[in-house]
């Protein structure tokens, strides 16, 4: 496949080459940074050249301008903000999905479905649960899931400057049980050369 977006470098499982960028320390910037990483991936790595060329560049600061920050929780995703960002970047669309009880799939199953289409998913997780195994009481955190293997998942976490591996079970447990939120990523089918030929 030309412009294959997958690699296994440094990790056991295959993962998308998501560009990483760490958020400022002590600031709740995870949502703008996660969205920025996904846009950068689609613009530079996604296998369809028409989608790449139709994806408009956007900075983290520009993304943050679209979002309504909560003074205590930082940027929390809502669909109207995500729709505006999607319209701005053109070929990429973001959809907030949440389930109050009993989601149809686990976070990892949702990620695996997306990854089959060469697209990541943004998971809204409890970072304290992921790092320390204890349910936190602070704001939730956004990570980009770039790959899922038998034992581990590869994530782009805005708190770090590089992709890293986390145990599958820890990531699964870190998915916030009260909201079960993800930001789903799609590309414009009319932009895609594959979509235009169907």
Protein backbone atom coordinates (compact mmCIF):
# COMPACT_ATOMS: atom_id res chain seq x y z
CA UNK A 1 0.00 0.00 0.00
CA UNK A 2 1.51 3.39 -0.90
CA UNK A 3 2.08 5.61 2.13
CA UNK A 4 1.52 2.76 4.56
CA UNK A 5 0.73 4.50 7.88
CA UNK A 6 1.65 1.45 10.01
CA UNK A 7 4.89 0.56 11.76
CA UNK A 8 6.07 -1.80 14.50
CA UNK A 9 9.21 0.15 15.32
CA UNK A 10 9.96 0.07 19.08
CA UNK A 11 6.79 -1.88 19.96
CA UNK A 12 5.57 -5.45 19.65
CA UNK A 13 2.24 -4.58 18.03
CA UNK A 14 1.60 -2.69 14.81
CA UNK A 15 0.50 0.88 15.30
CA UNK A 16 -0.27 3.99 13.30
CA UNK A 17 2.49 6.59 13.02
CA UNK A 18 0.72 9.22 15.11
CA UNK A 19 2.82 12.36 15.58
CA UNK A 20 3.16 13.25 19.24
CA UNK A 21 3.37 16.53 21.08
CA UNK A 22 3.31 17.04 24.82
CA UNK A 23 0.92 19.48 26.42
CA UNK A 24 2.10 22.22 28.79
CA UNK A 25 2.70 20.90 32.29
CA UNK A 26 -0.11 21.58 34.71
CA UNK A 27 -2.57 22.67 32.03
CA UNK A 28 -5.67 20.77 30.93
CA UNK A 29 -4.81 20.79 27.23
CA UNK A 30 -5.23 17.08 26.48
CA UNK A 31 -8.31 17.44 24.22
CA UNK A 32 -6.79 20.09 21.89
CA UNK A 33 -3.51 18.16 21.73
CA UNK A 34 -5.22 14.82 21.02
CA UNK A 35 -7.29 16.41 18.24
CA UNK A 36 -4.17 18.09 16.81
CA UNK A 37 -2.27 14.77 16.76
CA UNK A 38 -5.11 13.11 14.83
CA UNK A 39 -5.32 15.93 12.27
CA UNK A 40 -1.54 15.80 11.80
CA UNK A 41 -1.72 12.04 11.29
CA UNK A 42 -4.48 12.29 8.65
CA UNK A 43 -2.75 15.19 6.88
CA UNK A 44 0.65 13.49 6.72
CA UNK A 45 0.24 9.71 7.07
CA UNK A 46 -3.26 8.58 6.07
CA UNK A 47 -2.96 6.27 3.02
CA UNK A 48 -5.37 8.16 0.73
CA UNK A 49 -3.59 11.04 -1.00
CA UNK A 50 -6.86 12.91 -1.73
CA UNK A 51 -7.78 12.87 1.96
CA UNK A 52 -4.28 14.02 2.96
CA UNK A 53 -4.28 16.92 0.52
CA UNK A 54 -7.83 17.97 1.50
CA UNK A 55 -7.02 18.09 5.21
CA UNK A 56 -6.44 21.67 6.29
CA UNK A 57 -3.59 22.41 8.71
CA UNK A 58 -4.54 23.66 12.14
CA UNK A 59 -2.49 24.53 15.22
CA UNK A 60 -3.19 23.47 18.80
CA UNK A 61 -3.97 27.10 19.64
CA UNK A 62 -6.49 27.29 16.79
CA UNK A 63 -8.15 24.08 17.99
CA UNK A 64 -8.30 25.49 21.52
CA UNK A 65 -10.11 28.59 20.18
CA UNK A 66 -12.94 26.35 18.93
CA UNK A 67 -13.38 24.71 22.33
CA UNK A 68 -15.15 26.07 25.40
CA UNK A 69 -12.84 25.47 28.38
CA UNK A 70 -14.21 24.64 31.80
CA UNK A 71 -12.25 26.63 34.44
CA UNK A 72 -11.84 23.53 36.63
CA UNK A 73 -11.82 20.68 34.14
CA UNK A 74 -10.02 22.25 31.20
CA UNK A 75 -11.34 21.39 27.74
CA UNK A 76 -14.13 18.88 27.84
CA UNK A 77 -15.40 17.66 24.48
CA UNK A 78 -18.86 18.54 23.20
CA UNK A 79 -20.28 17.80 19.76
CA UNK A 80 -20.91 21.39 18.63
CA UNK A 81 -17.23 22.30 19.18
CA UNK A 82 -16.09 19.13 17.43
CA UNK A 83 -18.39 19.86 14.48
CA UNK A 84 -16.82 23.31 14.06
CA UNK A 85 -13.30 21.87 14.15
CA UNK A 86 -14.34 19.20 11.62
CA UNK A 87 -15.70 21.85 9.26
CA UNK A 88 -12.46 23.84 9.56
CA UNK A 89 -10.11 20.94 8.81
CA UNK A 90 -12.41 19.75 6.02
CA UNK A 91 -11.56 16.09 5.37
CA UNK A 92 -11.58 14.88 9.00
CA UNK A 93 -14.68 14.68 11.16
CA UNK A 94 -14.85 14.16 14.90
CA UNK A 95 -17.89 12.71 16.67
CA UNK A 96 -18.36 12.51 20.41
CA UNK A 97 -19.85 9.16 21.39
CA UNK A 98 -20.82 8.30 24.92
CA UNK A 99 -22.79 5.64 26.71
CA UNK A 100 -24.09 6.13 30.24
CA UNK A 101 -24.48 2.41 30.83
CA UNK A 102 -23.36 -0.72 29.08
CA UNK A 103 -21.54 0.47 25.96
CA UNK A 104 -21.96 -1.91 23.00
CA UNK A 105 -18.20 -2.56 22.90
CA UNK A 106 -15.18 -2.07 25.10
CA UNK A 107 -12.80 0.81 24.43
CA UNK A 108 -10.32 -1.60 22.87
CA UNK A 109 -12.95 -3.13 20.56
CA UNK A 110 -13.99 0.35 19.42
CA UNK A 111 -10.33 1.20 18.79
CA UNK A 112 -9.73 -2.03 16.86
CA UNK A 113 -12.70 -1.26 14.56
CA UNK A 114 -11.26 2.18 13.81
CA UNK A 115 -7.73 0.88 13.32
CA UNK A 116 -8.98 -1.53 10.64
CA UNK A 117 -9.74 1.64 8.61
CA UNK A 118 -6.29 3.14 9.30
CA UNK A 119 -7.81 5.61 11.77
CA UNK A 120 -7.17 6.10 15.48
CA UNK A 121 -9.72 6.81 18.18
CA UNK A 122 -9.46 9.28 21.05
CA UNK A 123 -10.32 7.64 24.35
CA UNK A 124 -11.46 9.69 27.34
CA UNK A 125 -9.87 7.94 30.30
CA UNK A 126 -9.05 8.20 33.98
CA UNK A 127 -5.30 8.89 33.89
CA UNK A 128 -4.83 7.95 37.55
CA UNK A 129 -6.37 4.55 36.88
CA UNK A 130 -4.06 4.05 33.90
CA UNK A 131 -0.89 5.08 35.73
CA UNK A 132 -1.48 4.00 39.32
CA UNK A 133 -4.41 1.59 39.23
CA UNK A 134 -6.56 3.81 41.44
CA UNK A 135 -9.77 5.51 40.38
CA UNK A 136 -9.04 9.25 40.36
CA UNK A 137 -11.31 12.10 41.30
CA UNK A 138 -9.82 14.73 39.02
CA UNK A 139 -10.58 15.65 35.42
CA UNK A 140 -10.58 12.98 32.75
CA UNK A 141 -7.76 12.72 30.22
CA UNK A 142 -7.69 12.20 26.43
CA UNK A 143 -5.32 9.80 24.67
CA UNK A 144 -5.05 8.76 21.02
CA UNK A 145 -5.12 4.97 20.61
CA UNK A 146 -2.70 4.17 17.79
CA UNK A 147 -2.53 0.37 17.99
CA UNK A 148 -3.91 -2.62 19.88
CA UNK A 149 -2.01 -5.89 20.28
CA UNK A 150 -2.59 -9.12 22.19
CA UNK A 151 -1.11 -7.82 25.43
CA UNK A 152 -0.53 -4.10 24.98
CA UNK A 153 -1.91 -1.01 23.29
CA UNK A 154 0.10 1.85 21.83
CA UNK A 155 -1.12 5.33 22.74
CA UNK A 156 -0.17 8.90 21.99
CA UNK A 157 -0.64 10.57 25.36
CA UNK A 158 -0.37 14.39 25.45
CA UNK A 159 1.49 14.10 28.78
CA UNK A 160 4.42 12.44 26.98
CA UNK A 161 6.57 13.41 24.03
CA UNK A 162 6.45 9.99 22.35
CA UNK A 163 4.17 7.05 21.67
CA UNK A 164 4.26 4.45 24.43
CA UNK A 165 2.88 1.04 25.25
CA UNK A 166 0.42 0.33 28.03
CA UNK A 167 -1.06 -3.02 29.10
CA UNK A 168 -4.42 -3.68 27.42
CA UNK A 169 -6.12 -4.43 30.74
CA UNK A 170 -4.95 -1.16 32.30
CA UNK A 171 -6.25 0.88 29.37
CA UNK A 172 -9.53 -1.03 29.40
CA UNK A 173 -9.96 -0.37 33.14
CA UNK A 174 -9.04 3.30 32.73
CA UNK A 175 -12.00 4.00 30.41
CA UNK A 176 -14.22 6.18 32.56
CA UNK A 177 -17.09 3.96 33.78
CA UNK A 178 -19.60 6.77 34.36
CA UNK A 179 -19.52 8.24 30.84
CA UNK A 180 -17.78 5.79 28.47
CA UNK A 181 -16.69 8.51 26.05
CA UNK A 182 -14.66 8.42 22.86
CA UNK A 183 -14.04 10.90 20.09
CA UNK A 184 -14.60 8.93 16.90
CA UNK A 185 -12.56 9.90 13.84
CA UNK A 186 -13.77 9.64 10.25
CA UNK A 187 -12.62 10.91 6.88
CA UNK A 188 -14.84 12.51 4.28
CA UNK A 189 -15.89 9.73 1.89
CA UNK A 190 -16.39 12.20 -0.96
CA UNK A 191 -12.78 13.37 -0.58
CA UNK A 192 -11.36 9.87 -0.54
CA UNK A 193 -10.32 8.50 -3.93
CA UNK A 194 -11.61 5.11 -2.75
CA UNK A 195 -14.96 6.64 -1.77
CA UNK A 196 -15.27 8.49 -5.06
CA UNK A 197 -14.94 5.24 -7.03
CA UNK A 198 -17.63 3.29 -5.23
